[in-house]
N, C-alpha and C. Protein backbone atom coordinates (compact mmCIF):
# COMPACT_ATOMS: atom_id res chain seq x y z
N MET A 1 -7.17 21.95 17.63
CA MET A 1 -7.87 22.81 16.62
C MET A 1 -8.92 22.20 15.33
N PRO A 2 -9.95 22.47 15.31
CA PRO A 2 -10.45 22.33 13.70
C PRO A 2 -10.04 22.52 13.48
N LYS A 3 -10.24 21.79 11.85
CA LYS A 3 -9.36 22.41 10.29
C LYS A 3 -10.54 22.75 9.73
N LEU A 4 -10.99 23.28 8.36
CA LEU A 4 -11.14 24.03 7.75
C LEU A 4 -11.65 23.19 7.28
N ASP A 5 -13.02 22.90 6.72
CA ASP A 5 -13.91 21.94 6.17
C ASP A 5 -14.65 21.92 4.82
N PRO A 6 -14.55 22.10 3.78
CA PRO A 6 -13.57 21.33 2.85
C PRO A 6 -12.05 22.40 3.26
N ARG A 7 -11.26 21.03 2.93
CA ARG A 7 -10.15 22.00 3.01
C ARG A 7 -9.72 23.01 2.08
N PRO A 8 -9.31 24.24 2.22
CA PRO A 8 -9.17 25.38 1.41
C PRO A 8 -8.09 24.64 -0.12
N ASP A 9 -7.32 24.07 0.80
CA ASP A 9 -6.58 23.80 -0.90
C ASP A 9 -6.67 22.85 -2.20
N GLN A 10 -8.22 22.40 -1.09
CA GLN A 10 -9.07 21.64 -2.55
C GLN A 10 -9.85 22.58 -2.75
N MET A 11 -9.95 23.55 -2.98
CA MET A 11 -10.74 24.79 -3.64
C MET A 11 -10.31 24.74 -4.98
N PRO A 12 -11.25 25.13 -5.53
CA PRO A 12 -11.39 25.92 -6.87
C PRO A 12 -10.96 27.57 -6.37
N LYS A 13 -10.59 27.96 -7.46
CA LYS A 13 -10.45 29.80 -6.66
C LYS A 13 -12.21 30.37 -6.43
N ASP A 14 -13.06 29.69 -7.38
CA ASP A 14 -14.74 30.63 -7.35
C ASP A 14 -14.71 30.22 -5.67
N GLN A 15 -14.95 28.29 -5.38
CA GLN A 15 -15.10 28.52 -4.18
C GLN A 15 -14.35 28.83 -3.24
N PHE A 16 -13.19 29.27 -3.02
CA PHE A 16 -12.35 30.21 -2.27
C PHE A 16 -12.48 31.42 -1.96
N ILE A 17 -12.98 32.03 -2.88
CA ILE A 17 -13.69 33.24 -2.94
C ILE A 17 -14.33 33.52 -1.78
N ALA A 18 -15.17 32.50 -2.53
CA ALA A 18 -17.02 33.18 -1.76
C ALA A 18 -16.50 32.16 -0.25
N VAL A 19 -16.23 31.78 -0.12
CA VAL A 19 -15.82 31.16 1.75
C VAL A 19 -15.06 31.87 2.31
N PHE A 20 -13.92 32.86 1.54
CA PHE A 20 -12.77 33.21 2.51
C PHE A 20 -12.84 34.38 1.67
N GLY A 21 -13.54 35.35 1.26
CA GLY A 21 -13.56 36.68 0.23
C GLY A 21 -14.01 37.13 1.52
N GLY A 22 -15.22 36.86 2.14
CA GLY A 22 -15.62 38.00 3.59
C GLY A 22 -15.23 37.88 4.40
N ILE A 23 -13.67 37.28 4.99
CA ILE A 23 -13.24 37.10 6.65
C ILE A 23 -12.39 38.18 6.66
N TYR A 24 -11.89 39.56 5.16
CA TYR A 24 -11.89 40.38 6.03
C TYR A 24 -13.01 41.31 5.25
N GLU A 25 -13.64 42.28 5.87
CA GLU A 25 -15.07 43.20 5.61
C GLU A 25 -14.79 43.20 4.51
N HIS A 26 -15.84 43.88 2.83
CA HIS A 26 -15.71 43.88 2.02
C HIS A 26 -13.88 43.63 1.07
N SER A 27 -13.72 43.25 1.43
CA SER A 27 -12.03 43.10 0.69
C SER A 27 -11.87 41.76 0.31
N ALA A 28 -12.49 40.92 -0.49
CA ALA A 28 -12.50 39.55 -1.53
C ALA A 28 -10.83 39.96 -2.31
N TRP A 29 -10.43 40.82 -2.19
CA TRP A 29 -8.77 41.52 -2.77
C TRP A 29 -7.85 40.31 -1.91
N VAL A 30 -7.63 40.06 0.09
CA VAL A 30 -7.18 39.50 0.78
C VAL A 30 -6.98 37.66 0.36
N ALA A 31 -8.60 37.30 0.34
CA ALA A 31 -8.69 36.01 -0.48
C ALA A 31 -8.09 35.84 -1.29
N GLU A 32 -7.73 36.10 -2.26
CA GLU A 32 -7.90 36.30 -3.79
C GLU A 32 -6.04 36.66 -4.05
N ALA A 33 -5.55 37.32 -3.67
CA ALA A 33 -3.83 37.62 -3.09
C ALA A 33 -3.45 36.01 -2.50
N ILE A 34 -3.94 35.72 -1.51
CA ILE A 34 -3.62 34.20 -0.75
C ILE A 34 -3.54 32.85 -1.98
N PHE A 35 -5.03 33.16 -2.60
CA PHE A 35 -5.13 31.99 -3.85
C PHE A 35 -4.27 31.75 -4.94
N ASN A 36 -4.32 33.19 -5.19
CA ASN A 36 -2.92 33.39 -6.52
C ASN A 36 -1.43 32.90 -5.95
N ILE A 37 -0.85 33.68 -4.52
CA ILE A 37 0.55 32.46 -4.12
C ILE A 37 -0.29 31.21 -4.14
N GLY A 38 -0.56 30.66 -3.08
CA GLY A 38 -0.78 29.06 -3.60
C GLY A 38 -1.63 29.17 -2.34
N VAL A 39 -2.48 27.90 -1.91
CA VAL A 39 -3.10 27.44 -0.66
C VAL A 39 -2.35 25.98 -0.63
N GLY A 40 -2.19 26.10 1.15
CA GLY A 40 -1.60 24.10 0.75
C GLY A 40 -2.02 24.06 2.25
N PRO A 41 -2.23 22.28 1.88
CA PRO A 41 -2.57 21.47 3.46
C PRO A 41 -2.40 22.36 4.73
N ASP A 42 -1.53 23.44 4.86
CA ASP A 42 -1.52 23.52 6.56
C ASP A 42 -2.35 25.19 6.78
N ASP A 43 -3.14 25.44 5.29
CA ASP A 43 -4.14 26.64 5.25
C ASP A 43 -5.58 25.75 6.23
N ALA A 44 -5.63 24.54 6.39
CA ALA A 44 -6.80 24.15 7.19
C ALA A 44 -7.22 24.26 8.22
N ASP A 45 -5.70 24.94 8.68
CA ASP A 45 -5.87 25.88 10.22
C ASP A 45 -5.53 26.64 10.46
N PRO A 46 -7.11 27.54 10.42
CA PRO A 46 -7.70 28.72 10.81
C PRO A 46 -6.97 29.38 11.45
N LEU A 47 -5.73 28.79 12.74
CA LEU A 47 -4.88 30.16 12.52
C LEU A 47 -3.90 30.45 11.68
N HIS A 48 -3.49 29.35 10.67
CA HIS A 48 -2.36 29.55 10.18
C HIS A 48 -2.87 30.51 8.61
N LEU A 49 -3.51 29.92 8.35
CA LEU A 49 -4.64 30.90 7.45
C LEU A 49 -4.58 32.13 7.54
N ALA A 50 -5.04 33.00 9.33
CA ALA A 50 -4.99 34.21 9.16
C ALA A 50 -3.93 34.89 9.66
N GLY A 51 -3.01 33.94 10.15
CA GLY A 51 -1.57 34.16 9.96
C GLY A 51 -0.74 34.81 8.41
N ARG A 52 -1.49 34.15 7.15
CA ARG A 52 -0.86 34.61 6.13
C ARG A 52 -1.79 35.68 5.36
N MET A 53 -3.14 35.67 5.80
CA MET A 53 -4.18 36.82 5.74
C MET A 53 -3.70 38.15 6.01
N ALA A 54 -3.25 37.82 7.32
CA ALA A 54 -3.05 38.46 7.33
C ALA A 54 -1.18 39.74 7.16
N VAL A 55 -0.53 39.03 6.94
CA VAL A 55 1.13 39.53 6.36
C VAL A 55 -0.10 39.82 4.84
N ILE A 56 -0.94 39.37 3.86
CA ILE A 56 -1.14 40.16 2.94
C ILE A 56 -1.79 41.23 3.30
N VAL A 57 -2.05 41.60 4.34
CA VAL A 57 -3.04 43.06 4.36
C VAL A 57 -1.65 43.58 4.78
N ASP A 58 -1.02 43.51 5.84
CA ASP A 58 0.07 44.35 5.89
C ASP A 58 1.20 44.75 4.76
N ALA A 59 1.09 43.91 4.34
CA ALA A 59 2.39 44.21 2.75
C ALA A 59 1.77 44.78 1.71
N GLY A 60 0.66 44.98 2.36
CA GLY A 60 -0.76 45.54 0.66
C GLY A 60 -0.39 47.68 0.93
N GLY A 61 0.16 48.08 1.92
CA GLY A 61 0.81 49.50 1.62
C GLY A 61 -0.70 50.07 2.61
N ARG A 62 -0.64 51.54 3.02
CA ARG A 62 -1.17 51.95 3.55
C ARG A 62 -2.24 52.66 2.53
N ASP A 63 -2.87 53.36 1.76
CA ASP A 63 -3.91 53.52 0.64
C ASP A 63 -5.10 52.13 0.82
N ARG A 64 -4.14 50.66 0.87
CA ARG A 64 -4.99 49.53 0.50
C ARG A 64 -5.63 49.02 1.97
N GLN A 65 -4.77 49.35 2.70
CA GLN A 65 -5.14 48.98 4.30
C GLN A 65 -6.52 50.75 4.85
N MET A 66 -5.89 51.00 4.13
CA MET A 66 -7.56 52.61 5.14
C MET A 66 -8.31 51.76 4.21
N ALA A 67 -8.42 51.69 2.63
CA ALA A 67 -9.47 51.26 2.08
C ALA A 67 -10.53 50.06 2.84
N LEU A 68 -9.30 49.21 3.82
CA LEU A 68 -10.11 48.06 4.19
C LEU A 68 -10.73 48.67 5.49
N LEU A 69 -10.18 49.40 6.11
CA LEU A 69 -10.55 50.37 7.25
C LEU A 69 -11.93 51.07 7.24
N LYS A 70 -11.61 51.09 5.57
CA LYS A 70 -12.94 52.44 5.59
C LYS A 70 -14.11 50.99 5.50
N ALA A 71 -13.78 50.43 4.87
CA ALA A 71 -15.01 49.02 4.36
C ALA A 71 -15.92 48.40 5.82
N HIS A 72 -15.57 49.08 6.93
CA HIS A 72 -15.94 48.27 8.17
C HIS A 72 -16.80 49.36 8.18
N PRO A 73 -18.17 48.78 9.07
CA PRO A 73 -19.33 49.85 9.42
C PRO A 73 -19.17 50.34 10.97
N GLU A 74 -20.00 51.48 10.63
CA GLU A 74 -19.66 52.06 12.74
C GLU A 74 -20.47 51.06 13.21
N LEU A 75 -19.81 51.11 14.06
CA LEU A 75 -21.13 50.27 15.10
C LEU A 75 -22.27 51.46 15.76
N ALA A 76 -23.42 50.25 16.31
CA ALA A 76 -24.59 50.53 15.99
C ALA A 76 -24.91 51.81 15.19
N GLY A 77 -24.12 52.26 13.87
CA GLY A 77 -24.40 53.29 12.95
C GLY A 77 -25.31 52.93 12.09
N LYS A 78 -25.25 53.78 11.00
CA LYS A 78 -26.30 53.85 9.95
C LYS A 78 -26.46 52.64 8.99
N LEU A 79 -25.86 51.74 8.57
CA LEU A 79 -26.29 50.22 8.21
C LEU A 79 -26.78 49.58 8.85
N ALA A 80 -26.01 49.61 10.37
CA ALA A 80 -27.26 49.60 11.04
C ALA A 80 -28.59 48.77 11.31
N ILE A 81 -29.04 50.38 11.47
CA ILE A 81 -30.01 50.72 11.73
C ILE A 81 -31.12 50.33 10.31
N ALA A 82 -30.73 50.80 9.34
CA ALA A 82 -30.37 50.10 8.10
C ALA A 82 -30.86 48.45 7.70
N GLY A 83 -30.65 47.99 7.98
CA GLY A 83 -30.42 46.14 7.72
C GLY A 83 -29.56 46.26 6.98
N ASP A 84 -28.53 46.59 6.72
CA ASP A 84 -27.43 46.87 4.88
C ASP A 84 -25.96 46.04 6.28
N LEU A 85 -25.69 45.07 7.30
CA LEU A 85 -24.77 45.02 7.52
C LEU A 85 -24.46 44.12 6.83
N THR A 86 -23.12 43.27 6.48
CA THR A 86 -23.32 41.77 5.95
C THR A 86 -23.24 40.84 7.13
N ALA A 87 -23.31 39.72 6.89
CA ALA A 87 -24.29 38.77 7.80
C ALA A 87 -23.18 38.73 9.39
N GLU A 88 -21.75 38.84 8.68
CA GLU A 88 -21.06 38.76 9.85
C GLU A 88 -21.04 39.70 11.09
N SER A 89 -20.97 41.04 10.35
CA SER A 89 -20.79 42.17 11.24
C SER A 89 -22.23 41.81 12.08
N THR A 90 -23.38 41.58 11.38
CA THR A 90 -25.52 41.93 11.94
C THR A 90 -24.65 41.39 13.25
N ALA A 91 -23.99 39.59 12.84
CA ALA A 91 -23.79 38.72 14.04
C ALA A 91 -23.07 39.13 15.47
N GLU A 92 -21.88 39.41 14.61
CA GLU A 92 -20.80 40.30 15.49
C GLU A 92 -21.64 41.27 16.63
N GLN A 93 -21.86 42.46 15.94
CA GLN A 93 -22.84 43.02 16.81
C GLN A 93 -23.60 43.28 17.35
N ALA A 94 -25.00 42.86 17.07
CA ALA A 94 -26.16 41.71 18.10
C ALA A 94 -25.30 41.28 18.83
N GLY A 95 -24.14 40.21 18.81
CA GLY A 95 -23.65 39.55 19.94
C GLY A 95 -23.35 40.22 20.98
N ALA A 96 -22.71 41.88 20.79
CA ALA A 96 -22.37 42.52 21.67
C ALA A 96 -23.70 42.81 21.75
N GLY A 97 -24.53 43.36 22.32
CA GLY A 97 -25.89 43.35 22.30
C GLY A 97 -25.70 44.49 21.45
N LEU A 98 -25.45 45.31 20.65
CA LEU A 98 -25.27 46.68 19.82
C LEU A 98 -26.82 47.05 19.40
N ASP A 99 -27.87 45.64 19.06
CA ASP A 99 -28.98 46.18 18.44
C ASP A 99 -30.04 46.30 19.61
N GLN A 100 -29.54 46.12 21.06
CA GLN A 100 -30.55 46.17 21.66
C GLN A 100 -29.81 48.15 22.63
N CYS A 101 -29.45 48.90 22.53
CA CYS A 101 -29.21 50.23 23.11
C CYS A 101 -29.79 50.80 23.63
N SER A 102 -29.44 51.17 24.58
CA SER A 102 -30.48 52.26 25.50
C SER A 102 -30.84 53.43 24.35
N PRO A 103 -31.35 54.66 24.75
CA PRO A 103 -31.16 56.41 23.88
C PRO A 103 -29.77 56.82 24.14
N ALA A 104 -29.84 56.39 25.17
CA ALA A 104 -28.31 57.01 26.04
C ALA A 104 -27.60 56.70 25.26
N GLU A 105 -27.14 55.59 25.14
CA GLU A 105 -25.90 54.60 24.81
C GLU A 105 -25.71 54.60 22.57
N PHE A 106 -26.84 54.81 22.23
CA PHE A 106 -27.34 54.86 21.00
C PHE A 106 -26.54 56.33 20.63
N ASP A 107 -27.01 57.27 21.13
CA ASP A 107 -26.68 58.92 21.19
C ASP A 107 -25.40 58.65 21.49
N ALA A 108 -24.32 58.00 22.74
CA ALA A 108 -23.46 58.16 22.68
C ALA A 108 -21.96 57.91 21.05
N PHE A 109 -23.12 56.15 20.75
CA PHE A 109 -22.65 55.81 19.63
C PHE A 109 -21.97 56.77 18.44
N GLN A 110 -23.40 57.01 18.12
CA GLN A 110 -23.54 57.94 17.14
C GLN A 110 -22.97 59.30 17.24
N ASP A 111 -22.98 59.55 18.73
CA ASP A 111 -21.35 61.23 18.99
C ASP A 111 -20.29 60.22 18.65
N LEU A 112 -19.54 59.16 19.35
CA LEU A 112 -18.14 59.17 18.85
C LEU A 112 -18.32 58.18 17.05
N ASN A 113 -19.20 58.05 16.77
CA ASN A 113 -18.87 57.50 15.61
C ASN A 113 -18.66 58.69 14.63
N ARG A 114 -19.87 60.03 14.57
CA ARG A 114 -19.38 61.15 14.45
C ARG A 114 -17.54 62.28 14.27
N ARG A 115 -17.40 61.90 15.81
CA ARG A 115 -15.79 62.37 16.34
C ARG A 115 -14.71 61.77 15.59
N TYR A 116 -15.23 60.60 15.95
CA TYR A 116 -14.25 59.37 15.64
C TYR A 116 -13.63 59.12 14.12
N GLY A 117 -14.43 59.40 12.70
CA GLY A 117 -14.85 59.88 12.02
C GLY A 117 -14.33 60.77 11.50
N ARG A 118 -14.34 61.72 12.22
CA ARG A 118 -14.04 63.29 11.66
C ARG A 118 -12.17 63.22 11.83
N LYS A 119 -12.17 62.51 12.82
CA LYS A 119 -10.71 62.73 13.16
C LYS A 119 -9.43 61.76 12.54
N PHE A 120 -10.12 60.45 12.42
CA PHE A 120 -9.33 59.26 11.97
C PHE A 120 -9.50 59.02 9.90
N GLY A 121 -10.58 59.33 9.50
CA GLY A 121 -11.03 59.37 8.38
C GLY A 121 -11.33 57.39 7.85
N HIS A 122 -11.13 57.16 8.91
CA HIS A 122 -12.69 55.85 8.98
C HIS A 122 -12.96 54.77 10.52
N PRO A 123 -13.99 54.19 9.95
CA PRO A 123 -14.76 54.26 11.39
C PRO A 123 -14.04 53.15 12.99
N PHE A 124 -14.34 53.21 14.04
CA PHE A 124 -14.02 53.08 14.35
C PHE A 124 -14.18 51.47 14.79
N ILE A 125 -13.02 50.88 14.71
CA ILE A 125 -12.77 49.12 15.04
C ILE A 125 -12.40 48.49 16.21
N ILE A 126 -13.33 47.10 16.24
CA ILE A 126 -12.90 47.23 17.82
C ILE A 126 -13.67 45.38 17.79
N ALA A 127 -12.73 44.32 17.41
CA ALA A 127 -13.70 43.18 18.22
C ALA A 127 -14.49 43.14 19.01
N VAL A 128 -15.80 42.81 19.02
CA VAL A 128 -17.27 42.89 19.30
C VAL A 128 -16.82 41.54 20.39
N ARG A 129 -17.07 40.59 19.46
CA ARG A 129 -16.91 39.59 20.49
C ARG A 129 -16.46 39.53 22.07
N GLY A 130 -17.34 38.98 22.57
CA GLY A 130 -16.58 39.11 23.85
C GLY A 130 -17.34 39.82 25.02
N LEU A 131 -17.48 41.46 23.83
CA LEU A 131 -17.85 42.21 24.35
C LEU A 131 -18.93 42.79 24.74
N ASP A 132 -19.22 43.61 26.19
CA ASP A 132 -20.64 44.20 26.21
C ASP A 132 -20.54 46.38 25.90
N ARG A 133 -21.51 46.20 25.22
CA ARG A 133 -21.88 47.54 24.94
C ARG A 133 -21.13 49.02 25.88
N ALA A 134 -21.11 48.55 27.40
CA ALA A 134 -20.49 49.34 28.80
C ALA A 134 -18.68 48.89 28.08
N ALA A 135 -18.52 47.90 28.00
CA ALA A 135 -16.55 47.88 27.63
C ALA A 135 -16.29 48.21 25.88
N ILE A 136 -18.17 48.38 24.88
CA ILE A 136 -16.86 49.11 23.84
C ILE A 136 -16.91 50.57 24.18
N LEU A 137 -17.86 51.08 24.64
CA LEU A 137 -18.26 52.63 24.85
C LEU A 137 -16.75 53.03 25.69
N THR A 138 -16.52 52.67 26.26
CA THR A 138 -14.85 52.67 27.22
C THR A 138 -13.83 52.38 25.82
N ALA A 139 -13.71 51.85 25.59
CA ALA A 139 -12.48 51.51 24.39
C ALA A 139 -12.87 52.73 23.68
N PHE A 140 -14.10 52.72 23.29
CA PHE A 140 -14.34 54.07 21.77
C PHE A 140 -13.63 55.41 22.62
N ARG A 141 -14.50 55.14 23.92
CA ARG A 141 -14.05 57.10 24.58
C ARG A 141 -11.91 57.00 24.60
N GLN A 142 -11.59 55.78 24.60
CA GLN A 142 -10.38 56.01 25.26
C GLN A 142 -9.62 55.81 23.85
N ARG A 143 -10.24 55.43 22.63
CA ARG A 143 -9.22 55.30 21.74
C ARG A 143 -9.17 56.42 20.79
N ILE A 144 -10.41 57.33 20.90
CA ILE A 144 -10.69 58.33 20.48
C ILE A 144 -9.04 59.36 20.37
N THR A 145 -8.54 59.26 21.82
CA THR A 145 -7.70 60.56 22.13
C THR A 145 -6.58 60.16 21.36
N ASN A 146 -6.45 59.01 21.08
CA ASN A 146 -5.29 58.33 20.49
C ASN A 146 -4.74 59.67 18.92
N SER A 147 -3.25 59.02 18.28
CA SER A 147 -3.15 59.64 17.39
C SER A 147 -3.47 59.30 16.74
N PRO A 148 -3.46 59.56 14.82
CA PRO A 148 -3.86 59.21 14.02
C PRO A 148 -3.03 58.16 13.43
N ASP A 149 -1.48 57.50 13.96
CA ASP A 149 -0.50 56.74 13.58
C ASP A 149 -1.39 55.96 14.63
N ALA A 150 -1.89 55.66 15.61
CA ALA A 150 -1.32 55.36 16.59
C ALA A 150 -2.89 54.57 16.35
N GLU A 151 -4.21 55.24 16.17
CA GLU A 151 -4.82 54.86 16.13
C GLU A 151 -4.90 53.94 14.76
N PHE A 152 -4.55 54.25 13.87
CA PHE A 152 -4.93 53.22 12.59
C PHE A 152 -3.84 51.67 12.96
N THR A 153 -2.76 51.86 12.96
CA THR A 153 -2.12 50.38 13.44
C THR A 153 -3.79 49.64 14.49
N THR A 154 -3.93 50.21 15.83
CA THR A 154 -4.52 49.66 16.31
C THR A 154 -6.01 48.94 15.46
N ALA A 155 -6.68 49.91 14.80
CA ALA A 155 -7.29 49.68 14.18
C ALA A 155 -6.86 48.53 13.39
N LEU A 156 -6.29 48.31 12.29
CA LEU A 156 -5.86 47.22 11.92
C LEU A 156 -5.64 45.90 12.21
N ASN A 157 -4.59 46.31 13.48
CA ASN A 157 -4.57 45.37 15.03
C ASN A 157 -5.86 44.40 15.07
N GLU A 158 -7.19 44.97 14.76
CA GLU A 158 -7.96 45.13 15.22
C GLU A 158 -9.38 44.05 14.40
N VAL A 159 -8.66 44.58 12.59
CA VAL A 159 -8.95 44.24 12.30
C VAL A 159 -8.60 42.39 11.87
N HIS A 160 -7.20 42.54 12.26
CA HIS A 160 -6.95 41.32 12.10
C HIS A 160 -6.96 40.19 13.25
N LYS A 161 -8.06 40.68 14.28
CA LYS A 161 -8.68 39.78 15.14
C LYS A 161 -9.55 39.59 14.53
N ILE A 162 -10.94 40.19 14.12
CA ILE A 162 -11.59 39.80 13.68
C ILE A 162 -11.66 38.96 12.62
N ALA A 163 -11.39 39.02 11.49
CA ALA A 163 -10.32 38.21 10.81
C ALA A 163 -10.11 36.43 11.07
N ARG A 164 -9.64 36.78 12.28
CA ARG A 164 -9.11 35.15 12.95
C ARG A 164 -10.33 34.93 13.67
N LEU A 165 -10.90 35.40 14.74
CA LEU A 165 -12.38 34.77 15.47
C LEU A 165 -13.34 34.72 14.18
N ARG A 166 -13.43 35.08 13.24
CA ARG A 166 -14.02 34.72 12.10
C ARG A 166 -13.42 33.23 11.38
N LEU A 167 -12.30 33.31 11.38
CA LEU A 167 -11.62 31.32 10.14
C LEU A 167 -12.10 31.33 11.63
N VAL A 168 -11.80 31.06 13.46
CA VAL A 168 -11.76 29.77 14.03
C VAL A 168 -13.19 29.81 13.87
N GLN A 169 -14.47 30.74 13.67
CA GLN A 169 -15.87 30.64 13.56
C GLN A 169 -16.13 29.69 12.70
N LEU A 170 -15.51 29.93 11.54
CA LEU A 170 -15.86 28.88 10.05
C LEU A 170 -15.45 27.44 10.58
N ALA A 171 -14.24 27.43 11.21
CA ALA A 171 -13.73 25.65 11.27
C ALA A 171 -14.39 25.26 12.45
N GLY A 172 -15.94 26.39 13.32
CA GLY A 172 -17.01 25.60 13.95
C GLY A 172 -15.48 25.07 15.50
N THR A 173 -15.05 26.20 15.72
CA THR A 173 -14.31 25.55 17.46
C THR A 173 -15.11 27.50 18.15
């Protein structure tokens, strides 16, 4: 597996935060915590760094985790329409074709986003890379029936998957 270059352990704090602060959507606190704990040569392996970042999030407590989930945009939602997604989210949603929804698909996403947000208090989160609109809508319809605790765990696992994919992409793999 390719390594992150320059190596994270060779970066000053401001560069480290600039490079890794967006791995978890609008949650630079994760990268800051990693830097403050200490960055070593093994962190040049994107999967190793992803594992360390996941541990920080998992230890962050429910309030911080909920804030992290709430920092994610809705799929095919208002931020996407307004062009206000992060570059990473824009590329990920476009890669899944969410920027090309038919009117019926768009309406389905809007309805599911509204219902899901009311039920769970955070947006529906799924690692969309490698999925198409139909697969995403199917997962959305299935997961909206989950219990709040089950869905919180599922959403957090999807956030970890997104972070891992972003780090691997950053390493050029």
